[in-house]
Amino acid sequence: MTNSRSRMRLVLALSSAVAILLGAAASSAQDAPAKPGEVVYDRLLPGMTHPKVVHQIEPDFSGRARRKKIQGTVTMSIIVTPDGKVRDAQVVNSLDKDLDKNALDCVAKWQFEPGTKDGQPVAMRIYVQINFHLY
């Protein structure tokens, strides 16, 4: 019986260790804040406004994609910082490797009026789409 209890304690201890490690891995997969204590909002809460684009450039259409007549939309997830800059841009829905890269390079140069919470600028995750169409 003592042997059975020892095994049960070992199983519980291992289960707890695995749960702690899995929790640490899950929290490290979240956005790393730019500054200690910075909160990145991913949805509107009461008293909040969305970021607004104030300067936007159009991406280049790659020669290879033009020759292959690739058209469509690249969807990206970005964080608009409290100073209106873009960081942590990631492709969510890919179109083509060259067009994805061009879209990331382009959106990195955009400038925003930041989102606000209770009148104060905050970091906010938003999704943007870049359309590539041949005319």
N, C-alpha and C. Protein backbone atom coordinates (compact mmCIF):
# COMPACT_ATOMS: atom_id res chain seq x y z
N MET A 1 0.81 -1.18 0.00
CA MET A 1 0.00 0.00 0.00
C MET A 1 0.86 1.25 0.00
N THR A 2 1.96 1.23 0.74
CA THR A 2 2.86 2.37 0.79
C THR A 2 3.47 2.60 -0.59
N ASN A 3 3.80 1.51 -1.27
CA ASN A 3 4.36 1.61 -2.61
C ASN A 3 3.36 2.25 -3.57
N SER A 4 2.10 1.92 -3.43
CA SER A 4 1.03 2.49 -4.26
C SER A 4 0.88 3.99 -4.00
N ARG A 5 0.96 4.41 -2.75
CA ARG A 5 0.87 5.83 -2.42
C ARG A 5 2.07 6.60 -2.96
N SER A 6 3.24 6.01 -2.89
CA SER A 6 4.45 6.65 -3.42
C SER A 6 4.33 6.86 -4.92
N ARG A 7 3.80 5.84 -5.61
CA ARG A 7 3.60 5.98 -7.06
C ARG A 7 2.59 7.08 -7.36
N MET A 8 1.51 7.14 -6.58
CA MET A 8 0.48 8.16 -6.79
C MET A 8 1.05 9.56 -6.58
N ARG A 9 1.87 9.74 -5.56
CA ARG A 9 2.50 11.04 -5.31
C ARG A 9 3.43 11.41 -6.46
N LEU A 10 4.19 10.44 -6.96
CA LEU A 10 5.10 10.68 -8.07
C LEU A 10 4.31 11.10 -9.31
N VAL A 11 3.21 10.39 -9.60
CA VAL A 11 2.37 10.73 -10.75
C VAL A 11 1.79 12.14 -10.60
N LEU A 12 1.32 12.46 -9.41
CA LEU A 12 0.78 13.81 -9.19
C LEU A 12 1.86 14.87 -9.33
N ALA A 13 3.05 14.60 -8.81
CA ALA A 13 4.14 15.56 -8.92
C ALA A 13 4.53 15.76 -10.38
N LEU A 14 4.62 14.67 -11.14
CA LEU A 14 4.95 14.78 -12.56
C LEU A 14 3.86 15.50 -13.34
N SER A 15 2.61 15.21 -13.01
CA SER A 15 1.49 15.89 -13.68
C SER A 15 1.53 17.39 -13.42
N SER A 16 1.83 17.76 -12.20
CA SER A 16 1.92 19.18 -11.86
C SER A 16 3.07 19.84 -12.61
N ALA A 17 4.20 19.15 -12.69
CA ALA A 17 5.36 19.71 -13.41
C ALA A 17 5.04 19.90 -14.88
N VAL A 18 4.38 18.93 -15.49
CA VAL A 18 4.01 19.03 -16.90
C VAL A 18 3.02 20.18 -17.09
N ALA A 19 2.05 20.32 -16.21
CA ALA A 19 1.07 21.41 -16.32
C ALA A 19 1.76 22.76 -16.22
N ILE A 20 2.73 22.89 -15.32
CA ILE A 20 3.46 24.15 -15.17
C ILE A 20 4.26 24.44 -16.43
N LEU A 21 4.95 23.43 -16.98
CA LEU A 21 5.72 23.62 -18.20
C LEU A 21 4.83 23.99 -19.38
N LEU A 22 3.69 23.32 -19.52
CA LEU A 22 2.76 23.64 -20.60
C LEU A 22 2.22 25.06 -20.45
N GLY A 23 1.93 25.48 -19.25
CA GLY A 23 1.46 26.84 -19.00
C GLY A 23 2.52 27.86 -19.36
N ALA A 24 3.77 27.58 -19.04
CA ALA A 24 4.87 28.49 -19.38
C ALA A 24 5.04 28.58 -20.89
N ALA A 25 4.92 27.44 -21.58
CA ALA A 25 5.04 27.45 -23.03
C ALA A 25 3.91 28.24 -23.67
N ALA A 26 2.70 28.09 -23.14
CA ALA A 26 1.55 28.81 -23.69
C ALA A 26 1.69 30.31 -23.47
N SER A 27 2.18 30.71 -22.30
CA SER A 27 2.29 32.15 -22.06
C SER A 27 3.43 32.75 -22.86
N SER A 28 4.49 31.98 -23.17
CA SER A 28 5.57 32.54 -23.97
C SER A 28 5.16 32.66 -25.43
N ALA A 29 4.10 31.97 -25.86
CA ALA A 29 3.63 32.06 -27.23
C ALA A 29 2.82 33.32 -27.46
N GLN A 30 2.41 34.01 -26.40
CA GLN A 30 1.66 35.24 -26.55
C GLN A 30 2.60 36.36 -26.96
N ASP A 31 2.03 37.50 -27.36
CA ASP A 31 2.84 38.63 -27.77
C ASP A 31 3.72 39.09 -26.64
N ALA A 32 4.98 39.25 -26.93
CA ALA A 32 5.89 39.82 -25.94
C ALA A 32 5.73 41.33 -25.99
N PRO A 33 5.41 41.95 -24.87
CA PRO A 33 5.23 43.40 -24.87
C PRO A 33 6.52 44.12 -25.22
N ALA A 34 6.41 45.27 -25.87
CA ALA A 34 7.58 46.06 -26.22
C ALA A 34 8.22 46.63 -24.96
N LYS A 35 7.41 47.00 -23.99
CA LYS A 35 7.90 47.56 -22.74
C LYS A 35 7.33 46.74 -21.59
N PRO A 36 8.05 46.65 -20.50
CA PRO A 36 7.49 45.92 -19.36
C PRO A 36 6.15 46.52 -18.95
N GLY A 37 5.18 45.67 -18.77
CA GLY A 37 3.87 46.12 -18.32
C GLY A 37 2.95 46.61 -19.43
N GLU A 38 3.44 46.67 -20.69
CA GLU A 38 2.58 47.13 -21.78
C GLU A 38 1.50 46.09 -22.07
N VAL A 39 0.29 46.55 -22.19
CA VAL A 39 -0.84 45.68 -22.51
C VAL A 39 -1.16 45.88 -23.98
N VAL A 40 -1.34 44.76 -24.70
CA VAL A 40 -1.73 44.81 -26.11
C VAL A 40 -3.18 44.34 -26.18
N TYR A 41 -4.07 45.24 -26.58
CA TYR A 41 -5.49 44.91 -26.68
C TYR A 41 -5.75 44.26 -28.03
N ASP A 42 -6.59 43.23 -28.05
CA ASP A 42 -6.92 42.57 -29.31
C ASP A 42 -8.39 42.73 -29.69
N ARG A 43 -9.12 43.52 -28.93
CA ARG A 43 -10.51 43.81 -29.26
C ARG A 43 -10.91 45.11 -28.57
N LEU A 44 -11.99 45.69 -29.05
CA LEU A 44 -12.48 46.93 -28.44
C LEU A 44 -13.22 46.63 -27.16
N LEU A 45 -12.89 47.37 -26.16
CA LEU A 45 -13.59 47.32 -24.89
C LEU A 45 -14.30 48.65 -24.70
N PRO A 46 -15.20 48.78 -23.75
CA PRO A 46 -15.85 50.07 -23.52
C PRO A 46 -14.81 51.17 -23.31
N GLY A 47 -15.04 52.32 -23.94
CA GLY A 47 -14.13 53.45 -23.80
C GLY A 47 -12.93 53.39 -24.73
N MET A 48 -12.96 52.50 -25.75
CA MET A 48 -11.82 52.34 -26.66
C MET A 48 -12.18 52.76 -28.08
N THR A 49 -11.15 53.18 -28.82
CA THR A 49 -11.29 53.48 -30.25
C THR A 49 -10.25 52.67 -31.02
N HIS A 50 -10.56 52.40 -32.30
CA HIS A 50 -9.64 51.68 -33.19
C HIS A 50 -8.52 52.60 -33.66
N PRO A 51 -7.35 52.04 -33.98
CA PRO A 51 -6.32 52.84 -34.66
C PRO A 51 -6.81 53.25 -36.04
N LYS A 52 -6.31 54.38 -36.54
CA LYS A 52 -6.69 54.87 -37.86
C LYS A 52 -5.42 55.14 -38.67
N VAL A 53 -5.40 54.69 -39.92
CA VAL A 53 -4.25 54.91 -40.79
C VAL A 53 -4.15 56.40 -41.12
N VAL A 54 -2.96 56.98 -40.94
CA VAL A 54 -2.75 58.37 -41.34
C VAL A 54 -1.76 58.47 -42.50
N HIS A 55 -0.91 57.46 -42.68
CA HIS A 55 0.02 57.42 -43.82
C HIS A 55 0.16 55.97 -44.26
N GLN A 56 -0.12 55.74 -45.54
CA GLN A 56 -0.13 54.38 -46.06
C GLN A 56 0.51 54.39 -47.43
N ILE A 57 1.40 53.44 -47.68
CA ILE A 57 1.98 53.30 -49.01
C ILE A 57 1.50 51.99 -49.61
N GLU A 58 1.54 51.92 -50.92
CA GLU A 58 1.10 50.72 -51.62
C GLU A 58 2.30 49.80 -51.83
N PRO A 59 2.09 48.49 -51.75
CA PRO A 59 3.19 47.55 -51.94
C PRO A 59 3.55 47.39 -53.41
N ASP A 60 4.77 46.92 -53.65
CA ASP A 60 5.21 46.60 -55.00
C ASP A 60 4.67 45.23 -55.39
N PHE A 61 4.35 45.09 -56.65
CA PHE A 61 3.93 43.81 -57.19
C PHE A 61 5.19 43.15 -57.72
N SER A 62 5.56 41.98 -57.24
CA SER A 62 6.81 41.35 -57.67
C SER A 62 6.72 40.91 -59.13
N GLY A 63 7.87 40.93 -59.80
CA GLY A 63 7.91 40.53 -61.21
C GLY A 63 7.48 39.10 -61.42
N ARG A 64 7.92 38.20 -60.53
CA ARG A 64 7.56 36.79 -60.65
C ARG A 64 6.05 36.61 -60.50
N ALA A 65 5.46 37.29 -59.51
CA ALA A 65 4.01 37.18 -59.30
C ALA A 65 3.25 37.77 -60.48
N ARG A 66 3.79 38.84 -61.07
CA ARG A 66 3.14 39.46 -62.22
C ARG A 66 3.18 38.49 -63.41
N ARG A 67 4.34 37.86 -63.64
CA ARG A 67 4.46 36.89 -64.75
C ARG A 67 3.53 35.70 -64.56
N LYS A 68 3.37 35.26 -63.32
CA LYS A 68 2.50 34.12 -63.02
C LYS A 68 1.04 34.54 -62.87
N LYS A 69 0.79 35.84 -62.96
CA LYS A 69 -0.56 36.41 -62.85
C LYS A 69 -1.24 36.04 -61.53
N ILE A 70 -0.46 36.13 -60.46
CA ILE A 70 -0.98 35.84 -59.12
C ILE A 70 -1.70 37.08 -58.62
N GLN A 71 -2.93 36.92 -58.19
CA GLN A 71 -3.72 38.01 -57.64
C GLN A 71 -4.40 37.54 -56.37
N GLY A 72 -4.73 38.48 -55.50
CA GLY A 72 -5.45 38.12 -54.29
C GLY A 72 -5.11 39.05 -53.14
N THR A 73 -5.33 38.55 -51.94
CA THR A 73 -5.20 39.37 -50.74
C THR A 73 -4.30 38.68 -49.73
N VAL A 74 -3.41 39.47 -49.12
CA VAL A 74 -2.58 39.02 -48.01
C VAL A 74 -3.19 39.62 -46.74
N THR A 75 -3.52 38.79 -45.78
CA THR A 75 -4.05 39.27 -44.50
C THR A 75 -2.94 39.18 -43.47
N MET A 76 -2.76 40.28 -42.72
CA MET A 76 -1.71 40.34 -41.72
C MET A 76 -2.26 40.76 -40.38
N SER A 77 -1.62 40.28 -39.35
CA SER A 77 -1.88 40.70 -37.98
C SER A 77 -0.74 41.64 -37.61
N ILE A 78 -1.08 42.83 -37.11
CA ILE A 78 -0.05 43.79 -36.69
C ILE A 78 -0.41 44.37 -35.33
N ILE A 79 0.58 44.88 -34.67
CA ILE A 79 0.33 45.64 -33.44
C ILE A 79 0.65 47.08 -33.74
N VAL A 80 -0.33 47.95 -33.48
CA VAL A 80 -0.13 49.39 -33.59
C VAL A 80 0.24 49.87 -32.19
N THR A 81 1.42 50.45 -32.07
CA THR A 81 1.93 50.88 -30.77
C THR A 81 1.26 52.18 -30.32
N PRO A 82 1.43 52.54 -29.06
CA PRO A 82 0.84 53.81 -28.60
C PRO A 82 1.37 55.05 -29.33
N ASP A 83 2.54 54.94 -29.99
CA ASP A 83 3.04 56.07 -30.77
C ASP A 83 2.68 55.96 -32.25
N GLY A 84 1.81 54.99 -32.61
CA GLY A 84 1.28 54.90 -33.97
C GLY A 84 2.14 54.13 -34.95
N LYS A 85 3.19 53.47 -34.46
CA LYS A 85 4.04 52.69 -35.33
C LYS A 85 3.56 51.24 -35.38
N VAL A 86 4.04 50.50 -36.38
CA VAL A 86 3.67 49.10 -36.56
C VAL A 86 4.80 48.23 -36.03
N ARG A 87 4.41 47.19 -35.29
CA ARG A 87 5.40 46.18 -34.87
C ARG A 87 4.75 44.81 -34.91
N ASP A 88 5.58 43.80 -34.91
CA ASP A 88 5.15 42.39 -34.87
C ASP A 88 4.16 42.04 -35.99
N ALA A 89 4.46 42.50 -37.21
CA ALA A 89 3.60 42.16 -38.34
C ALA A 89 3.82 40.70 -38.72
N GLN A 90 2.71 39.98 -38.91
CA GLN A 90 2.76 38.56 -39.27
C GLN A 90 1.70 38.27 -40.32
N VAL A 91 2.05 37.44 -41.29
CA VAL A 91 1.09 37.04 -42.31
C VAL A 91 0.17 35.99 -41.71
N VAL A 92 -1.14 36.24 -41.81
CA VAL A 92 -2.15 35.31 -41.32
C VAL A 92 -2.67 34.45 -42.46
N ASN A 93 -2.98 35.09 -43.59
CA ASN A 93 -3.41 34.37 -44.80
C ASN A 93 -2.46 34.75 -45.93
N SER A 94 -1.69 33.77 -46.36
CA SER A 94 -0.65 33.97 -47.36
C SER A 94 -1.23 33.93 -48.77
N LEU A 95 -0.53 34.61 -49.67
CA LEU A 95 -0.90 34.60 -51.08
C LEU A 95 0.24 34.00 -51.91
N ASP A 96 1.43 34.53 -51.71
CA ASP A 96 2.61 34.13 -52.46
C ASP A 96 3.80 34.64 -51.65
N LYS A 97 4.89 33.89 -51.60
CA LYS A 97 6.01 34.27 -50.73
C LYS A 97 6.55 35.66 -51.05
N ASP A 98 6.67 36.02 -52.33
CA ASP A 98 7.17 37.35 -52.68
C ASP A 98 6.17 38.44 -52.32
N LEU A 99 4.89 38.20 -52.60
CA LEU A 99 3.87 39.20 -52.29
C LEU A 99 3.69 39.33 -50.78
N ASP A 100 3.80 38.22 -50.05
CA ASP A 100 3.74 38.28 -48.58
C ASP A 100 4.85 39.19 -48.05
N LYS A 101 6.08 39.00 -48.57
CA LYS A 101 7.21 39.81 -48.12
C LYS A 101 6.99 41.28 -48.46
N ASN A 102 6.51 41.55 -49.68
CA ASN A 102 6.24 42.93 -50.07
C ASN A 102 5.17 43.57 -49.18
N ALA A 103 4.15 42.79 -48.83
CA ALA A 103 3.10 43.31 -47.95
C ALA A 103 3.66 43.63 -46.57
N LEU A 104 4.50 42.75 -46.03
CA LEU A 104 5.11 42.99 -44.71
C LEU A 104 6.02 44.22 -44.74
N ASP A 105 6.83 44.35 -45.80
CA ASP A 105 7.71 45.51 -45.92
C ASP A 105 6.91 46.81 -46.02
N CYS A 106 5.82 46.74 -46.76
CA CYS A 106 4.97 47.92 -46.96
C CYS A 106 4.30 48.36 -45.66
N VAL A 107 3.65 47.43 -44.98
CA VAL A 107 2.87 47.78 -43.79
C VAL A 107 3.79 48.26 -42.65
N ALA A 108 5.04 47.84 -42.66
CA ALA A 108 5.99 48.29 -41.63
C ALA A 108 6.22 49.80 -41.72
N LYS A 109 5.95 50.39 -42.88
CA LYS A 109 6.16 51.82 -43.08
C LYS A 109 4.90 52.66 -42.83
N TRP A 110 3.79 52.01 -42.57
CA TRP A 110 2.55 52.73 -42.32
C TRP A 110 2.63 53.47 -40.99
N GLN A 111 1.87 54.54 -40.90
CA GLN A 111 1.77 55.32 -39.67
C GLN A 111 0.29 55.41 -39.28
N PHE A 112 0.02 55.28 -38.00
CA PHE A 112 -1.35 55.27 -37.50
C PHE A 112 -1.56 56.35 -36.45
N GLU A 113 -2.81 56.75 -36.32
CA GLU A 113 -3.26 57.43 -35.11
C GLU A 113 -3.61 56.26 -34.19
N PRO A 114 -2.96 56.15 -33.04
CA PRO A 114 -3.15 54.93 -32.24
C PRO A 114 -4.56 54.79 -31.70
N GLY A 115 -4.91 53.55 -31.37
CA GLY A 115 -6.16 53.30 -30.67
C GLY A 115 -6.05 53.88 -29.28
N THR A 116 -7.20 54.16 -28.68
CA THR A 116 -7.18 54.75 -27.34
C THR A 116 -8.09 53.97 -26.40
N LYS A 117 -7.77 54.08 -25.14
CA LYS A 117 -8.63 53.56 -24.06
C LYS A 117 -8.77 54.68 -23.06
N ASP A 118 -10.00 55.11 -22.86
CA ASP A 118 -10.28 56.22 -21.96
C ASP A 118 -9.44 57.45 -22.32
N GLY A 119 -9.28 57.68 -23.63
CA GLY A 119 -8.58 58.86 -24.12
C GLY A 119 -7.06 58.74 -24.16
N GLN A 120 -6.50 57.65 -23.68
CA GLN A 120 -5.05 57.46 -23.66
C GLN A 120 -4.63 56.48 -24.75
N PRO A 121 -3.55 56.76 -25.49
CA PRO A 121 -3.10 55.84 -26.54
C PRO A 121 -2.68 54.49 -25.94
N VAL A 122 -3.04 53.42 -26.64
CA VAL A 122 -2.69 52.06 -26.20
C VAL A 122 -2.21 51.24 -27.40
N ALA A 123 -1.52 50.16 -27.12
CA ALA A 123 -1.12 49.21 -28.15
C ALA A 123 -2.31 48.32 -28.47
N MET A 124 -2.53 48.10 -29.77
CA MET A 124 -3.68 47.30 -30.17
C MET A 124 -3.33 46.42 -31.36
N ARG A 125 -3.73 45.15 -31.28
CA ARG A 125 -3.56 44.22 -32.40
C ARG A 125 -4.74 44.40 -33.34
N ILE A 126 -4.42 44.59 -34.62
CA ILE A 126 -5.46 44.69 -35.64
C ILE A 126 -5.08 43.81 -36.82
N TYR A 127 -6.02 43.58 -37.70
CA TYR A 127 -5.78 42.81 -38.90
C TYR A 127 -5.96 43.72 -40.10
N VAL A 128 -5.01 43.66 -41.03
CA VAL A 128 -5.08 44.47 -42.23
C VAL A 128 -4.95 43.57 -43.45
N GLN A 129 -5.54 44.01 -44.54
CA GLN A 129 -5.48 43.26 -45.79
C GLN A 129 -4.83 44.11 -46.86
N ILE A 130 -3.92 43.50 -47.59
CA ILE A 130 -3.26 44.14 -48.74
C ILE A 130 -3.73 43.39 -49.98
N ASN A 131 -4.32 44.14 -50.91
CA ASN A 131 -4.84 43.54 -52.13
C ASN A 131 -3.82 43.68 -53.26
N PHE A 132 -3.60 42.60 -53.98
CA PHE A 132 -2.73 42.58 -55.14
C PHE A 132 -3.59 42.18 -56.34
N HIS A 133 -3.79 43.12 -57.26
CA HIS A 133 -4.61 42.84 -58.43
C HIS A 133 -3.93 43.39 -59.67
N LEU A 134 -3.95 42.61 -60.74
CA LEU A 134 -3.45 43.05 -62.03
C LEU A 134 -4.59 43.72 -62.78
N TYR A 135 -4.31 44.83 -63.40
CA TYR A 135 -5.37 45.55 -64.15
C TYR A 135 -5.07 45.54 -65.60
